[in-house]
Amino acid sequence: MHLDELRRARRMTQTKLAETLGVNQGEVSKIEHRTDLYLSTLFEYIEALGGTLEIRAVFPDSEVRITQFESLP
């Protein structure tokens, strides 16, 4: 799911999300249309929507949760 679709599914406007993130609405639009994001930006975006971001590596025979980035601000 694209970030803008996720935001709409969570029933949040770009303006409200921008307020929560402490940025302007245009910055939220830029985040939603980037193809390459810092993990910290993605963590903040998801948390502003009320969620928690988890990163997993999926292999044919197993799945591993990557915890190295969980302490990002």
N, C-alpha and C. Protein backbone atom coordinates (compact mmCIF):
# COMPACT_ATOMS: atom_id res chain seq x y z
N MET A 1 0.84 -1.18 0.00
CA MET A 1 0.00 0.00 0.00
C MET A 1 0.89 1.24 0.00
N HIS A 2 0.58 2.18 -0.83
CA HIS A 2 1.32 3.44 -0.88
C HIS A 2 0.99 4.27 0.36
N LEU A 3 1.91 5.15 0.72
CA LEU A 3 1.73 5.94 1.94
C LEU A 3 0.48 6.81 1.90
N ASP A 4 0.17 7.42 0.77
CA ASP A 4 -1.03 8.24 0.69
C ASP A 4 -2.30 7.39 0.86
N GLU A 5 -2.28 6.18 0.34
CA GLU A 5 -3.42 5.28 0.52
C GLU A 5 -3.56 4.87 1.98
N LEU A 6 -2.43 4.63 2.63
CA LEU A 6 -2.43 4.27 4.04
C LEU A 6 -2.99 5.41 4.88
N ARG A 7 -2.55 6.64 4.59
CA ARG A 7 -3.04 7.80 5.33
C ARG A 7 -4.54 7.95 5.17
N ARG A 8 -5.03 7.81 3.95
CA ARG A 8 -6.48 7.92 3.72
C ARG A 8 -7.25 6.79 4.41
N ALA A 9 -6.68 5.59 4.39
CA ALA A 9 -7.32 4.46 5.07
C ALA A 9 -7.41 4.70 6.58
N ARG A 10 -6.45 5.45 7.11
CA ARG A 10 -6.47 5.81 8.54
C ARG A 10 -7.31 7.05 8.80
N ARG A 11 -7.96 7.56 7.74
CA ARG A 11 -8.86 8.71 7.81
C ARG A 11 -8.15 9.96 8.35
N MET A 12 -6.99 10.23 7.79
CA MET A 12 -6.24 11.41 8.18
C MET A 12 -5.92 12.23 6.93
N THR A 13 -6.04 13.54 7.06
CA THR A 13 -5.69 14.43 5.96
C THR A 13 -4.20 14.74 6.00
N GLN A 14 -3.70 15.22 4.88
CA GLN A 14 -2.30 15.65 4.85
C GLN A 14 -2.08 16.79 5.84
N THR A 15 -3.04 17.68 5.96
CA THR A 15 -2.92 18.82 6.87
C THR A 15 -2.82 18.37 8.32
N LYS A 16 -3.67 17.44 8.73
CA LYS A 16 -3.64 16.95 10.10
C LYS A 16 -2.35 16.18 10.36
N LEU A 17 -1.92 15.37 9.42
CA LEU A 17 -0.68 14.62 9.57
C LEU A 17 0.50 15.58 9.67
N ALA A 18 0.48 16.64 8.87
CA ALA A 18 1.54 17.64 8.91
C ALA A 18 1.61 18.29 10.30
N GLU A 19 0.46 18.60 10.89
CA GLU A 19 0.43 19.16 12.24
C GLU A 19 1.07 18.21 13.23
N THR A 20 0.74 16.94 13.14
CA THR A 20 1.27 15.93 14.05
C THR A 20 2.79 15.79 13.89
N LEU A 21 3.26 15.86 12.64
CA LEU A 21 4.69 15.73 12.37
C LEU A 21 5.47 17.03 12.61
N GLY A 22 4.75 18.14 12.70
CA GLY A 22 5.42 19.43 12.88
C GLY A 22 6.04 19.97 11.61
N VAL A 23 5.41 19.64 10.47
CA VAL A 23 5.87 20.13 9.17
C VAL A 23 4.69 20.74 8.44
N ASN A 24 4.92 21.28 7.25
CA ASN A 24 3.79 21.81 6.48
C ASN A 24 3.20 20.72 5.58
N GLN A 25 2.03 20.98 5.06
CA GLN A 25 1.31 20.00 4.24
C GLN A 25 2.10 19.61 3.01
N GLY A 26 2.84 20.54 2.43
CA GLY A 26 3.64 20.24 1.26
C GLY A 26 4.71 19.19 1.52
N GLU A 27 5.27 19.21 2.73
CA GLU A 27 6.28 18.22 3.09
C GLU A 27 5.67 16.82 3.17
N VAL A 28 4.44 16.73 3.68
CA VAL A 28 3.75 15.43 3.72
C VAL A 28 3.55 14.91 2.30
N SER A 29 3.15 15.79 1.40
CA SER A 29 2.97 15.40 0.01
C SER A 29 4.28 14.88 -0.58
N LYS A 30 5.39 15.56 -0.29
CA LYS A 30 6.69 15.12 -0.79
C LYS A 30 7.04 13.74 -0.25
N ILE A 31 6.81 13.53 1.04
CA ILE A 31 7.10 12.22 1.65
C ILE A 31 6.31 11.13 0.94
N GLU A 32 5.03 11.41 0.69
CA GLU A 32 4.16 10.40 0.09
C GLU A 32 4.52 10.07 -1.35
N HIS A 33 5.23 10.94 -2.02
CA HIS A 33 5.55 10.69 -3.42
C HIS A 33 7.00 10.30 -3.66
N ARG A 34 7.80 10.25 -2.61
CA ARG A 34 9.19 9.82 -2.76
C ARG A 34 9.25 8.31 -2.96
N THR A 35 10.25 7.89 -3.70
CA THR A 35 10.48 6.46 -3.86
C THR A 35 11.62 5.98 -2.97
N ASP A 36 12.31 6.92 -2.33
CA ASP A 36 13.44 6.59 -1.47
C ASP A 36 13.35 7.47 -0.22
N LEU A 37 13.14 6.84 0.94
CA LEU A 37 12.97 7.57 2.20
C LEU A 37 13.99 7.13 3.22
N TYR A 38 14.35 8.05 4.11
CA TYR A 38 15.11 7.65 5.28
C TYR A 38 14.20 6.80 6.16
N LEU A 39 14.75 5.80 6.81
CA LEU A 39 13.95 4.99 7.72
C LEU A 39 13.36 5.84 8.83
N SER A 40 14.12 6.80 9.33
CA SER A 40 13.61 7.65 10.41
C SER A 40 12.37 8.43 9.97
N THR A 41 12.35 8.89 8.72
CA THR A 41 11.18 9.60 8.20
C THR A 41 9.98 8.67 8.13
N LEU A 42 10.20 7.46 7.66
CA LEU A 42 9.12 6.49 7.57
C LEU A 42 8.60 6.10 8.95
N PHE A 43 9.51 5.89 9.92
CA PHE A 43 9.10 5.60 11.29
C PHE A 43 8.22 6.72 11.83
N GLU A 44 8.64 7.98 11.65
CA GLU A 44 7.88 9.12 12.16
C GLU A 44 6.52 9.22 11.49
N TYR A 45 6.47 8.99 10.18
CA TYR A 45 5.21 9.04 9.43
C TYR A 45 4.23 8.00 9.97
N ILE A 46 4.69 6.77 10.12
CA ILE A 46 3.82 5.69 10.61
C ILE A 46 3.38 5.96 12.04
N GLU A 47 4.28 6.43 12.89
CA GLU A 47 3.92 6.74 14.27
C GLU A 47 2.91 7.87 14.33
N ALA A 48 3.03 8.87 13.45
CA ALA A 48 2.07 9.97 13.41
C ALA A 48 0.67 9.49 13.02
N LEU A 49 0.61 8.37 12.30
CA LEU A 49 -0.68 7.76 11.96
C LEU A 49 -1.20 6.87 13.08
N GLY A 50 -0.39 6.70 14.13
CA GLY A 50 -0.81 5.87 15.25
C GLY A 50 -0.30 4.45 15.20
N GLY A 51 0.62 4.17 14.30
CA GLY A 51 1.12 2.81 14.14
C GLY A 51 2.55 2.65 14.58
N THR A 52 3.06 1.45 14.38
CA THR A 52 4.44 1.10 14.66
C THR A 52 5.00 0.42 13.42
N LEU A 53 6.17 0.85 12.98
CA LEU A 53 6.79 0.26 11.81
C LEU A 53 7.68 -0.90 12.24
N GLU A 54 7.52 -2.04 11.60
CA GLU A 54 8.38 -3.20 11.82
C GLU A 54 9.03 -3.55 10.49
N ILE A 55 10.31 -3.90 10.55
CA ILE A 55 11.03 -4.30 9.34
C ILE A 55 11.35 -5.78 9.46
N ARG A 56 11.02 -6.53 8.40
CA ARG A 56 11.24 -7.97 8.39
C ARG A 56 12.01 -8.37 7.14
N ALA A 57 12.81 -9.39 7.29
CA ALA A 57 13.44 -10.05 6.14
C ALA A 57 12.70 -11.37 5.96
N VAL A 58 12.20 -11.61 4.77
CA VAL A 58 11.42 -12.82 4.50
C VAL A 58 12.20 -13.72 3.56
N PHE A 59 12.42 -14.94 4.01
CA PHE A 59 13.14 -15.95 3.24
C PHE A 59 12.17 -17.10 2.94
N PRO A 60 12.50 -17.94 1.98
CA PRO A 60 11.59 -19.05 1.66
C PRO A 60 11.28 -19.94 2.87
N ASP A 61 12.24 -20.10 3.78
CA ASP A 61 12.02 -21.01 4.90
C ASP A 61 11.88 -20.32 6.26
N SER A 62 11.98 -19.01 6.29
CA SER A 62 11.86 -18.32 7.58
C SER A 62 11.64 -16.83 7.39
N GLU A 63 11.39 -16.18 8.51
CA GLU A 63 11.16 -14.75 8.54
C GLU A 63 11.88 -14.21 9.77
N VAL A 64 12.55 -13.08 9.62
CA VAL A 64 13.33 -12.52 10.71
C VAL A 64 12.95 -11.05 10.87
N ARG A 65 12.65 -10.65 12.09
CA ARG A 65 12.36 -9.25 12.38
C ARG A 65 13.69 -8.52 12.59
N ILE A 66 13.90 -7.42 11.87
CA ILE A 66 15.11 -6.62 11.98
C ILE A 66 14.86 -5.56 13.05
N THR A 67 15.65 -5.61 14.13
CA THR A 67 15.43 -4.70 15.26
C THR A 67 16.46 -3.58 15.36
N GLN A 68 17.43 -3.58 14.50
CA GLN A 68 18.53 -2.61 14.55
C GLN A 68 18.03 -1.15 14.51
N PHE A 69 16.93 -0.89 13.84
CA PHE A 69 16.47 0.48 13.63
C PHE A 69 15.37 0.91 14.60
N GLU A 70 15.00 0.09 15.53
CA GLU A 70 13.89 0.40 16.41
C GLU A 70 14.16 1.55 17.37
N SER A 71 15.41 1.93 17.54
CA SER A 71 15.71 3.04 18.45
C SER A 71 15.83 4.36 17.73
N LEU A 72 15.41 4.42 16.47
CA LEU A 72 15.46 5.67 15.73
C LEU A 72 14.54 6.68 16.39
N PRO A 73 14.95 7.95 16.37
CA PRO A 73 14.11 8.99 17.00
C PRO A 73 12.80 9.20 16.28
